[in-house]
Structures are given as C-alpha cells and as structure tokens.
Amino acid sequence: MKKTVLIASLALLMGLFFSCSSTGPITATSNELGSKVGTSTAGSILGLIPIGGGDYSIQSAAKEGGITKISTVDLKKFNYLGIWAGCTTIVTGE
C-alpha cells in the first residue's frame, strides 16, 4: 500500500512539471519598439470555469500597459495538464 501511494504521489508531482506554452507573433507595426508592455489574460479550468476576466483582447492589453501607439502584438497560449488553459496577449509600444 505504501508503494502505491508513493508511486501515485511521484506521478502527480511529475505531472505538475509537464506543461505546454508557446508564444508567437500576431502583428507588428511601423511604430518604433516602445518601452511599455501590456498584457491581458483569459483562461479556463477544465474548459468549463472561466478565469482571468475572459478578455485577452489587444485593446485591453494596450490599456493595461498605458500604450497608445502599438509596436508589436504577441499571443502566448498555455496548457497545464489539460486542467488549466488559456491565452495571454502581449502588446508593446509607447
């Protein structure tokens, strides 16, 4: 019984370290690369319970960073064991 609990605990612990995250460009403008960065995130737990406000738009990321002239927009998608997943929009500019 102790071995089973130990193996299950180790499997769960190892599972916590497995995740997937990728970041890629969405668009870029001719504006100079600015020093400000804004992000907005939305996600869900098990695809059912929304978390993060549900808004990961470019507009909300720019507003969060105080950006009026957008230089670049990137999108980061993440998934942790299929339990917690979502997207983050990353905006840079001035």
PDB file of N, CA and C in Angstrom:
ATOM      1  N   MET A   1       0.827  -1.196   0.000  1.00  0.00           N
ATOM      2  CA  MET A   1       0.000   0.000   0.000  1.00  0.00           C
ATOM      3  C   MET A   1       0.870   1.259   0.000  1.00  0.00           C
ATOM      4  N   LYS A   2       1.960   1.235   0.783  1.00  0.00           N
ATOM      5  CA  LYS A   2       2.832   2.405   0.846  1.00  0.00           C
ATOM      6  C   LYS A   2       3.492   2.673  -0.496  1.00  0.00           C
ATOM      7  N   LYS A   3       3.854   1.584  -1.212  1.00  0.00           N
ATOM      8  CA  LYS A   3       4.475   1.755  -2.525  1.00  0.00           C
ATOM      9  C   LYS A   3       3.493   2.376  -3.515  1.00  0.00           C
ATOM     10  N   THR A   4       2.254   1.963  -3.447  1.00  0.00           N
ATOM     11  CA  THR A   4       1.238   2.506  -4.348  1.00  0.00           C
ATOM     12  C   THR A   4       1.037   3.997  -4.110  1.00  0.00           C
ATOM     13  N   VAL A   5       0.976   4.384  -2.858  1.00  0.00           N
ATOM     14  CA  VAL A   5       0.811   5.801  -2.516  1.00  0.00           C
ATOM     15  C   VAL A   5       2.035   6.589  -2.956  1.00  0.00           C
ATOM     16  N   LEU A   6       3.223   6.022  -2.762  1.00  0.00           N
ATOM     17  CA  LEU A   6       4.453   6.691  -3.171  1.00  0.00           C
ATOM     18  C   LEU A   6       4.509   6.860  -4.684  1.00  0.00           C
ATOM     19  N   ILE A   7       4.175   5.821  -5.428  1.00  0.00           N
ATOM     20  CA  ILE A   7       4.186   5.889  -6.895  1.00  0.00           C
ATOM     21  C   ILE A   7       3.154   6.899  -7.394  1.00  0.00           C
ATOM     22  N   ALA A   8       1.973   6.881  -6.805  1.00  0.00           N
ATOM     23  CA  ALA A   8       0.931   7.832  -7.207  1.00  0.00           C
ATOM     24  C   ALA A   8       1.349   9.258  -6.891  1.00  0.00           C
ATOM     25  N   SER A   9       1.976   9.460  -5.752  1.00  0.00           N
ATOM     26  CA  SER A   9       2.441  10.800  -5.372  1.00  0.00           C
ATOM     27  C   SER A   9       3.531  11.288  -6.321  1.00  0.00           C
ATOM     28  N   LEU A  10       4.462  10.419  -6.662  1.00  0.00           N
ATOM     29  CA  LEU A  10       5.523  10.788  -7.600  1.00  0.00           C
ATOM     30  C   LEU A  10       4.968  11.090  -8.991  1.00  0.00           C
ATOM     31  N   ALA A  11       3.996  10.304  -9.426  1.00  0.00           N
ATOM     32  CA  ALA A  11       3.375  10.543 -10.732  1.00  0.00           C
ATOM     33  C   ALA A  11       2.668  11.892 -10.756  1.00  0.00           C
ATOM     34  N   LEU A  12       1.971  12.218  -9.693  1.00  0.00           N
ATOM     35  CA  LEU A  12       1.289  13.504  -9.602  1.00  0.00           C
ATOM     36  C   LEU A  12       2.299  14.647  -9.588  1.00  0.00           C
ATOM     37  N   LEU A  13       3.360  14.495  -8.823  1.00  0.00           N
ATOM     38  CA  LEU A  13       4.396  15.516  -8.754  1.00  0.00           C
ATOM     39  C   LEU A  13       5.069  15.720 -10.107  1.00  0.00           C
ATOM     40  N   MET A  14       5.359  14.645 -10.802  1.00  0.00           N
ATOM     41  CA  MET A  14       5.965  14.754 -12.129  1.00  0.00           C
ATOM     42  C   MET A  14       5.002  15.430 -13.102  1.00  0.00           C
ATOM     43  N   GLY A  15       3.723  15.116 -12.973  1.00  0.00           N
ATOM     44  CA  GLY A  15       2.723  15.707 -13.847  1.00  0.00           C
ATOM     45  C   GLY A  15       2.627  17.206 -13.705  1.00  0.00           C
ATOM     46  N   LEU A  16       2.929  17.712 -12.514  1.00  0.00           N
ATOM     47  CA  LEU A  16       2.879  19.149 -12.290  1.00  0.00           C
ATOM     48  C   LEU A  16       3.949  19.887 -13.079  1.00  0.00           C
ATOM     49  N   PHE A  17       5.011  19.198 -13.448  1.00  0.00           N
ATOM     50  CA  PHE A  17       6.094  19.827 -14.188  1.00  0.00           C
ATOM     51  C   PHE A  17       5.888  19.772 -15.704  1.00  0.00           C
ATOM     52  N   PHE A  18       4.907  19.016 -16.162  1.00  0.00           N
ATOM     53  CA  PHE A  18       4.641  18.918 -17.585  1.00  0.00           C
ATOM     54  C   PHE A  18       3.585  19.940 -17.969  1.00  0.00           C
ATOM     55  N   SER A  19       3.959  20.816 -18.850  1.00  0.00           N
ATOM     56  CA  SER A  19       3.029  21.819 -19.331  1.00  0.00           C
ATOM     57  C   SER A  19       3.444  22.205 -20.738  1.00  0.00           C
ATOM     58  N   CYS A  20       2.596  22.928 -21.381  1.00  0.00           N
ATOM     59  CA  CYS A  20       2.876  23.370 -22.734  1.00  0.00           C
ATOM     60  C   CYS A  20       2.598  24.865 -22.811  1.00  0.00           C
ATOM     61  N   SER A  21       3.526  25.583 -23.381  1.00  0.00           N
ATOM     62  CA  SER A  21       3.361  27.021 -23.546  1.00  0.00           C
ATOM     63  C   SER A  21       4.083  27.433 -24.815  1.00  0.00           C
ATOM     64  N   SER A  22       3.416  28.213 -25.644  1.00  0.00           N
ATOM     65  CA  SER A  22       4.064  28.712 -26.858  1.00  0.00           C
ATOM     66  C   SER A  22       3.678  30.170 -27.069  1.00  0.00           C
ATOM     67  N   THR A  23       4.645  30.932 -27.542  1.00  0.00           N
ATOM     68  CA  THR A  23       4.425  32.350 -27.811  1.00  0.00           C
ATOM     69  C   THR A  23       4.794  32.636 -29.251  1.00  0.00           C
ATOM     70  N   GLY A  24       3.925  33.370 -29.929  1.00  0.00           N
ATOM     71  CA  GLY A  24       4.198  33.699 -31.321  1.00  0.00           C
ATOM     72  C   GLY A  24       3.692  35.079 -31.670  1.00  0.00           C
ATOM     73  N   PRO A  25       4.250  35.642 -32.730  1.00  0.00           N
ATOM     74  CA  PRO A  25       3.836  36.984 -33.147  1.00  0.00           C
ATOM     75  C   PRO A  25       2.466  36.970 -33.816  1.00  0.00           C
ATOM     76  N   ILE A  26       1.732  38.040 -33.596  1.00  0.00           N
ATOM     77  CA  ILE A  26       0.450  38.231 -34.262  1.00  0.00           C
ATOM     78  C   ILE A  26       0.610  39.313 -35.327  1.00  0.00           C
ATOM     79  N   THR A  27       1.167  40.455 -34.920  1.00  0.00           N
ATOM     80  CA  THR A  27       1.360  41.547 -35.869  1.00  0.00           C
ATOM     81  C   THR A  27       2.439  42.499 -35.364  1.00  0.00           C
ATOM     82  N   ALA A  28       2.919  43.324 -36.261  1.00  0.00           N
ATOM     83  CA  ALA A  28       3.872  44.380 -35.919  1.00  0.00           C
ATOM     84  C   ALA A  28       3.526  45.589 -36.777  1.00  0.00           C
ATOM     85  N   THR A  29       3.803  46.765 -36.256  1.00  0.00           N
ATOM     86  CA  THR A  29       3.531  47.997 -36.991  1.00  0.00           C
ATOM     87  C   THR A  29       4.852  48.679 -37.323  1.00  0.00           C
ATOM     88  N   SER A  30       4.762  49.785 -38.015  1.00  0.00           N
ATOM     89  CA  SER A  30       5.973  50.543 -38.349  1.00  0.00           C
ATOM     90  C   SER A  30       6.402  51.462 -37.201  1.00  0.00           C
ATOM     91  N   ASN A  31       5.626  51.492 -36.110  1.00  0.00           N
ATOM     92  CA  ASN A  31       5.998  52.299 -34.944  1.00  0.00           C
ATOM     93  C   ASN A  31       7.273  51.739 -34.319  1.00  0.00           C
ATOM     94  N   GLU A  32       8.078  52.619 -33.731  1.00  0.00           N
ATOM     95  CA  GLU A  32       9.288  52.178 -33.054  1.00  0.00           C
ATOM     96  C   GLU A  32       8.935  51.306 -31.860  1.00  0.00           C
ATOM     97  N   LEU A  33       9.826  50.356 -31.569  1.00  0.00           N
ATOM     98  CA  LEU A  33       9.612  49.477 -30.424  1.00  0.00           C
ATOM     99  C   LEU A  33       9.632  50.300 -29.152  1.00  0.00           C
ATOM    100  N   GLY A  34       8.557  50.257 -28.404  1.00  0.00           N
ATOM    101  CA  GLY A  34       8.440  51.069 -27.204  1.00  0.00           C
ATOM    102  C   GLY A  34       8.910  50.358 -25.958  1.00  0.00           C
ATOM    103  N   SER A  35       8.951  51.103 -24.882  1.00  0.00           N
ATOM    104  CA  SER A  35       9.416  50.555 -23.607  1.00  0.00           C
ATOM    105  C   SER A  35       8.274  50.013 -22.751  1.00  0.00           C
ATOM    106  N   LYS A  36       7.041  50.273 -23.139  1.00  0.00           N
ATOM    107  CA  LYS A  36       5.893  49.827 -22.344  1.00  0.00           C
ATOM    108  C   LYS A  36       5.420  48.454 -22.822  1.00  0.00           C
ATOM    109  N   VAL A  37       4.948  47.658 -21.866  1.00  0.00           N
ATOM    110  CA  VAL A  37       4.399  46.342 -22.167  1.00  0.00           C
ATOM    111  C   VAL A  37       3.080  46.194 -21.420  1.00  0.00           C
ATOM    112  N   GLY A  38       2.077  45.726 -22.124  1.00  0.00           N
ATOM    113  CA  GLY A  38       0.780  45.461 -21.506  1.00  0.00           C
ATOM    114  C   GLY A  38       0.340  44.046 -21.820  1.00  0.00           C
ATOM    115  N   THR A  39      -0.320  43.413 -20.882  1.00  0.00           N
ATOM    116  CA  THR A  39      -0.806  42.049 -21.090  1.00  0.00           C
ATOM    117  C   THR A  39      -2.264  41.933 -20.670  1.00  0.00           C
ATOM    118  N   SER A  40      -2.935  41.002 -21.278  1.00  0.00           N
ATOM    119  CA  SER A  40      -4.290  40.635 -20.847  1.00  0.00           C
ATOM    120  C   SER A  40      -4.425  39.128 -21.013  1.00  0.00           C
ATOM    121  N   THR A  41      -5.023  38.494 -20.027  1.00  0.00           N
ATOM    122  CA  THR A  41      -5.082  37.034 -19.994  1.00  0.00           C
ATOM    123  C   THR A  41      -6.501  36.550 -19.754  1.00  0.00           C
ATOM    124  N   ALA A  42      -6.833  35.460 -20.399  1.00  0.00           N
ATOM    125  CA  ALA A  42      -8.095  34.774 -20.146  1.00  0.00           C
ATOM    126  C   ALA A  42      -7.828  33.282 -20.215  1.00  0.00           C
ATOM    127  N   GLY A  43      -8.514  32.531 -19.414  1.00  0.00           N
ATOM    128  CA  GLY A  43      -8.316  31.090 -19.421  1.00  0.00           C
ATOM    129  C   GLY A  43      -9.495  30.380 -18.799  1.00  0.00           C
ATOM    130  N   SER A  44      -9.309  29.078 -18.624  1.00  0.00           N
ATOM    131  CA  SER A  44     -10.371  28.294 -18.012  1.00  0.00           C
ATOM    132  C   SER A  44      -9.784  27.082 -17.313  1.00  0.00           C
ATOM    133  N   ILE A  45     -10.540  26.575 -16.384  1.00  0.00           N
ATOM    134  CA  ILE A  45     -10.200  25.349 -15.692  1.00  0.00           C
ATOM    135  C   ILE A  45     -11.118  24.268 -16.234  1.00  0.00           C
ATOM    136  N   LEU A  46     -10.510  23.205 -16.752  1.00  0.00           N
ATOM    137  CA  LEU A  46     -11.232  22.085 -17.364  1.00  0.00           C
ATOM    138  C   LEU A  46     -12.127  22.525 -18.519  1.00  0.00           C
ATOM    139  N   GLY A  47     -11.852  23.681 -19.083  1.00  0.00           N
ATOM    140  CA  GLY A  47     -12.659  24.182 -20.194  1.00  0.00           C
ATOM    141  C   GLY A  47     -14.049  24.618 -19.800  1.00  0.00           C
ATOM    142  N   LEU A  48     -14.326  24.640 -18.507  1.00  0.00           N
ATOM    143  CA  LEU A  48     -15.671  24.952 -18.031  1.00  0.00           C
ATOM    144  C   LEU A  48     -15.755  26.197 -17.169  1.00  0.00           C
ATOM    145  N   ILE A  49     -14.737  26.420 -16.340  1.00  0.00           N
ATOM    146  CA  ILE A  49     -14.777  27.508 -15.371  1.00  0.00           C
ATOM    147  C   ILE A  49     -13.854  28.626 -15.857  1.00  0.00           C
ATOM    148  N   PRO A  50     -14.417  29.749 -16.317  1.00  0.00           N
ATOM    149  CA  PRO A  50     -13.570  30.835 -16.825  1.00  0.00           C
ATOM    150  C   PRO A  50     -12.793  31.522 -15.706  1.00  0.00           C
ATOM    151  N   ILE A  51     -11.540  31.879 -16.015  1.00  0.00           N
ATOM    152  CA  ILE A  51     -10.704  32.624 -15.076  1.00  0.00           C
ATOM    153  C   ILE A  51      -9.979  33.714 -15.851  1.00  0.00           C
ATOM    154  N   GLY A  52      -9.541  34.736 -15.178  1.00  0.00           N
ATOM    155  CA  GLY A  52      -8.758  35.789 -15.812  1.00  0.00           C
ATOM    156  C   GLY A  52      -9.585  36.871 -16.468  1.00  0.00           C
ATOM    157  N   GLY A  53     -10.853  36.946 -16.176  1.00  0.00           N
ATOM    158  CA  GLY A  53     -11.664  38.026 -16.704  1.00  0.00           C
ATOM    159  C   GLY A  53     -12.264  37.763 -18.069  1.00  0.00           C
ATOM    160  N   GLY A  54     -11.771  36.791 -18.810  1.00  0.00           N
ATOM    161  CA  GLY A  54     -12.357  36.432 -20.091  1.00  0.00           C
ATOM    162  C   GLY A  54     -12.043  37.371 -21.233  1.00  0.00           C
ATOM    163  N   ASP A  55     -11.145  38.329 -21.041  1.00  0.00           N
ATOM    164  CA  ASP A  55     -10.829  39.284 -22.098  1.00  0.00           C
ATOM    165  C   ASP A  55      -9.321  39.324 -22.318  1.00  0.00           C
ATOM    166  N   TYR A  56      -8.877  38.789 -23.436  1.00  0.00           N
ATOM    167  CA  TYR A  56      -7.460  38.881 -23.756  1.00  0.00           C
ATOM    168  C   TYR A  56      -7.272  39.616 -25.084  1.00  0.00           C
ATOM    169  N   SER A  57      -8.044  40.685 -25.242  1.00  0.00           N
ATOM    170  CA  SER A  57      -8.004  41.467 -26.471  1.00  0.00           C
ATOM    171  C   SER A  57      -6.783  42.380 -26.518  1.00  0.00           C
ATOM    172  N   ILE A  58      -6.447  42.802 -27.708  1.00  0.00           N
ATOM    173  CA  ILE A  58      -5.336  43.737 -27.906  1.00  0.00           C
ATOM    174  C   ILE A  58      -5.652  45.053 -27.207  1.00  0.00           C
ATOM    175  N   GLN A  59      -6.893  45.483 -27.302  1.00  0.00           N
ATOM    176  CA  GLN A  59      -7.309  46.745 -26.692  1.00  0.00           C
ATOM    177  C   GLN A  59      -7.126  46.719 -25.177  1.00  0.00           C
ATOM    178  N   SER A  60      -7.517  45.641 -24.523  1.00  0.00           N
ATOM    179  CA  SER A  60      -7.375  45.591 -23.067  1.00  0.00           C
ATOM    180  C   SER A  60      -5.911  45.470 -22.653  1.00  0.00           C
ATOM    181  N   ALA A  61      -5.088  44.786 -23.446  1.00  0.00           N
ATOM    182  CA  ALA A  61      -3.655  44.701 -23.141  1.00  0.00           C
ATOM    183  C   ALA A  61      -2.993  46.064 -23.289  1.00  0.00           C
ATOM    184  N   ALA A  62      -3.348  46.800 -24.333  1.00  0.00           N
ATOM    185  CA  ALA A  62      -2.793  48.140 -24.534  1.00  0.00           C
ATOM    186  C   ALA A  62      -3.231  49.076 -23.412  1.00  0.00           C
ATOM    187  N   LYS A  63      -4.475  48.986 -23.030  1.00  0.00           N
ATOM    188  CA  LYS A  63      -4.982  49.830 -21.940  1.00  0.00           C
ATOM    189  C   LYS A  63      -4.268  49.508 -20.633  1.00  0.00           C
ATOM    190  N   GLU A  64      -4.054  48.229 -20.347  1.00  0.00           N
ATOM    191  CA  GLU A  64      -3.376  47.812 -19.113  1.00  0.00           C
ATOM    192  C   GLU A  64      -1.947  48.338 -19.061  1.00  0.00           C
ATOM    193  N   GLY A  65      -1.285  48.434 -20.213  1.00  0.00           N
ATOM    194  CA  GLY A  65       0.086  48.915 -20.261  1.00  0.00           C
ATOM    195  C   GLY A  65       0.214  50.407 -20.505  1.00  0.00           C
ATOM    196  N   GLY A  66      -0.903  51.106 -20.653  1.00  0.00           N
ATOM    197  CA  GLY A  66      -0.870  52.538 -20.925  1.00  0.00           C
ATOM    198  C   GLY A  66      -0.289  52.844 -22.293  1.00  0.00           C
ATOM    199  N   ILE A  67      -0.571  51.993 -23.262  1.00  0.00           N
ATOM    200  CA  ILE A  67       0.001  52.105 -24.601  1.00  0.00           C
ATOM    201  C   ILE A  67      -1.003  52.748 -25.546  1.00  0.00           C
ATOM    202  N   THR A  68      -0.556  53.793 -26.254  1.00  0.00           N
ATOM    203  CA  THR A  68      -1.405  54.436 -27.256  1.00  0.00           C
ATOM    204  C   THR A  68      -0.893  54.187 -28.673  1.00  0.00           C
ATOM    205  N   LYS A  69       0.404  53.909 -28.817  1.00  0.00           N
ATOM    206  CA  LYS A  69       0.993  53.572 -30.117  1.00  0.00           C
ATOM    207  C   LYS A  69       1.558  52.153 -30.034  1.00  0.00           C
ATOM    208  N   ILE A  70       0.863  51.204 -30.641  1.00  0.00           N
ATOM    209  CA  ILE A  70       1.249  49.796 -30.566  1.00  0.00           C
ATOM    210  C   ILE A  70       2.383  49.513 -31.549  1.00  0.00           C
ATOM    211  N   SER A  71       3.405  48.784 -31.058  1.00  0.00           N
ATOM    212  CA  SER A  71       4.523  48.359 -31.909  1.00  0.00           C
ATOM    213  C   SER A  71       4.378  46.900 -32.319  1.00  0.00           C
ATOM    214  N   THR A  72       4.206  46.014 -31.338  1.00  0.00           N
ATOM    215  CA  THR A  72       4.069  44.585 -31.627  1.00  0.00           C
ATOM    216  C   THR A  72       2.963  43.972 -30.785  1.00  0.00           C
ATOM    217  N   VAL A  73       2.436  42.866 -31.301  1.00  0.00           N
ATOM    218  CA  VAL A  73       1.430  42.094 -30.575  1.00  0.00           C
ATOM    219  C   VAL A  73       1.833  40.623 -30.666  1.00  0.00           C
ATOM    220  N   ASP A  74       1.948  39.978 -29.515  1.00  0.00           N
ATOM    221  CA  ASP A  74       2.252  38.553 -29.450  1.00  0.00           C
ATOM    222  C   ASP A  74       1.133  37.845 -28.709  1.00  0.00           C
ATOM    223  N   LEU A  75       0.990  36.559 -28.992  1.00  0.00           N
ATOM    224  CA  LEU A  75      -0.020  35.751 -28.308  1.00  0.00           C
ATOM    225  C   LEU A  75       0.668  34.549 -27.678  1.00  0.00           C
ATOM    226  N   LYS A  76       0.448  34.365 -26.387  1.00  0.00           N
ATOM    227  CA  LYS A  76       1.005  33.224 -25.665  1.00  0.00           C
ATOM    228  C   LYS A  76      -0.140  32.305 -25.286  1.00  0.00           C
ATOM    229  N   LYS A  77      -0.054  31.057 -25.729  1.00  0.00           N
ATOM    230  CA  LYS A  77      -1.050  30.053 -25.365  1.00  0.00           C
ATOM    231  C   LYS A  77      -0.409  29.090 -24.377  1.00  0.00           C
ATOM    232  N   PHE A  78      -1.171  28.706 -23.362  1.00  0.00           N
ATOM    233  CA  PHE A  78      -0.632  27.797 -22.363  1.00  0.00           C
ATOM    234  C   PHE A  78      -1.653  26.737 -21.987  1.00  0.00           C
ATOM    235  N   ASN A  79      -1.134  25.591 -21.563  1.00  0.00           N
ATOM    236  CA  ASN A  79      -1.974  24.475 -21.158  1.00  0.00           C
ATOM    237  C   ASN A  79      -1.204  23.673 -20.119  1.00  0.00           C
ATOM    238  N   TYR A  80      -1.743  23.543 -18.951  1.00  0.00           N
ATOM    239  CA  TYR A  80      -1.127  22.796 -17.874  1.00  0.00           C
ATOM    240  C   TYR A  80      -1.935  21.537 -17.596  1.00  0.00           C
ATOM    241  N   LEU A  81      -1.459  20.420 -18.108  1.00  0.00           N
ATOM    242  CA  LEU A  81      -2.084  19.115 -17.907  1.00  0.00           C
ATOM    243  C   LEU A  81      -3.534  19.044 -18.375  1.00  0.00           C
ATOM    244  N   GLY A  82      -3.948  19.930 -19.242  1.00  0.00           N
ATOM    245  CA  GLY A  82      -5.326  19.954 -19.691  1.00  0.00           C
ATOM    246  C   GLY A  82      -6.293  20.431 -18.637  1.00  0.00           C
ATOM    247  N   ILE A  83      -5.763  20.848 -17.506  1.00  0.00           N
ATOM    248  CA  ILE A  83      -6.613  21.309 -16.410  1.00  0.00           C
ATOM    249  C   ILE A  83      -6.802  22.814 -16.489  1.00  0.00           C
ATOM    250  N   TRP A  84      -5.720  23.542 -16.662  1.00  0.00           N
ATOM    251  CA  TRP A  84      -5.755  24.999 -16.733  1.00  0.00           C
ATOM    252  C   TRP A  84      -5.173  25.400 -18.082  1.00  0.00           C
ATOM    253  N   ALA A  85      -5.949  26.104 -18.888  1.00  0.00           N
ATOM    254  CA  ALA A  85      -5.505  26.514 -20.217  1.00  0.00           C
ATOM    255  C   ALA A  85      -5.987  27.925 -20.501  1.00  0.00           C
ATOM    256  N   GLY A  86      -5.283  28.606 -21.395  1.00  0.00           N
ATOM    257  CA  GLY A  86      -5.708  29.950 -21.748  1.00  0.00           C
ATOM    258  C   GLY A  86      -4.753  30.637 -22.687  1.00  0.00           C
ATOM    259  N   CYS A  87      -4.968  31.934 -22.866  1.00  0.00           N
ATOM    260  CA  CYS A  87      -4.174  32.759 -23.757  1.00  0.00           C
ATOM    261  C   CYS A  87      -3.838  34.091 -23.080  1.00  0.00           C
ATOM    262  N   THR A  88      -2.663  34.608 -23.413  1.00  0.00           N
ATOM    263  CA  THR A  88      -2.249  35.932 -22.959  1.00  0.00           C
ATOM    264  C   THR A  88      -1.840  36.741 -24.184  1.00  0.00           C
ATOM    265  N   THR A  89      -2.395  37.928 -24.317  1.00  0.00           N
ATOM    266  CA  THR A  89      -1.993  38.848 -25.370  1.00  0.00           C
ATOM    267  C   THR A  89      -0.948  39.798 -24.786  1.00  0.00           C
ATOM    268  N   ILE A  90       0.166  39.944 -25.507  1.00  0.00           N
ATOM    269  CA  ILE A  90       1.267  40.796 -25.048  1.00  0.00           C
ATOM    270  C   ILE A  90       1.467  41.911 -26.072  1.00  0.00           C
ATOM    271  N   VAL A  91       1.290  43.150 -25.635  1.00  0.00           N
ATOM    272  CA  VAL A  91       1.393  44.308 -26.514  1.00  0.00           C
ATOM    273  C   VAL A  91       2.574  45.181 -26.059  1.00  0.00           C
ATOM    274  N   THR A  92       3.400  45.617 -27.007  1.00  0.00           N
ATOM    275  CA  THR A  92       4.479  46.550 -26.694  1.00  0.00           C
ATOM    276  C   THR A  92       4.272  47.835 -27.482  1.00  0.00           C
ATOM    277  N   GLY A  93       4.799  48.930 -26.954  1.00  0.00           N
ATOM    278  CA  GLY A  93       4.674  50.218 -27.642  1.00  0.00           C
ATOM    279  C   GLY A  93       4.894  51.371 -26.709  1.00  0.00           C
ATOM    280  N   GLU A  94       4.416  52.521 -27.132  1.00  0.00           N
ATOM    281  CA  GLU A  94       4.526  53.763 -26.336  1.00  0.00           C
ATOM    282  C   GLU A  94       3.143  54.295 -26.061  1.00  0.00           C
TER     283      GLU A  94
END
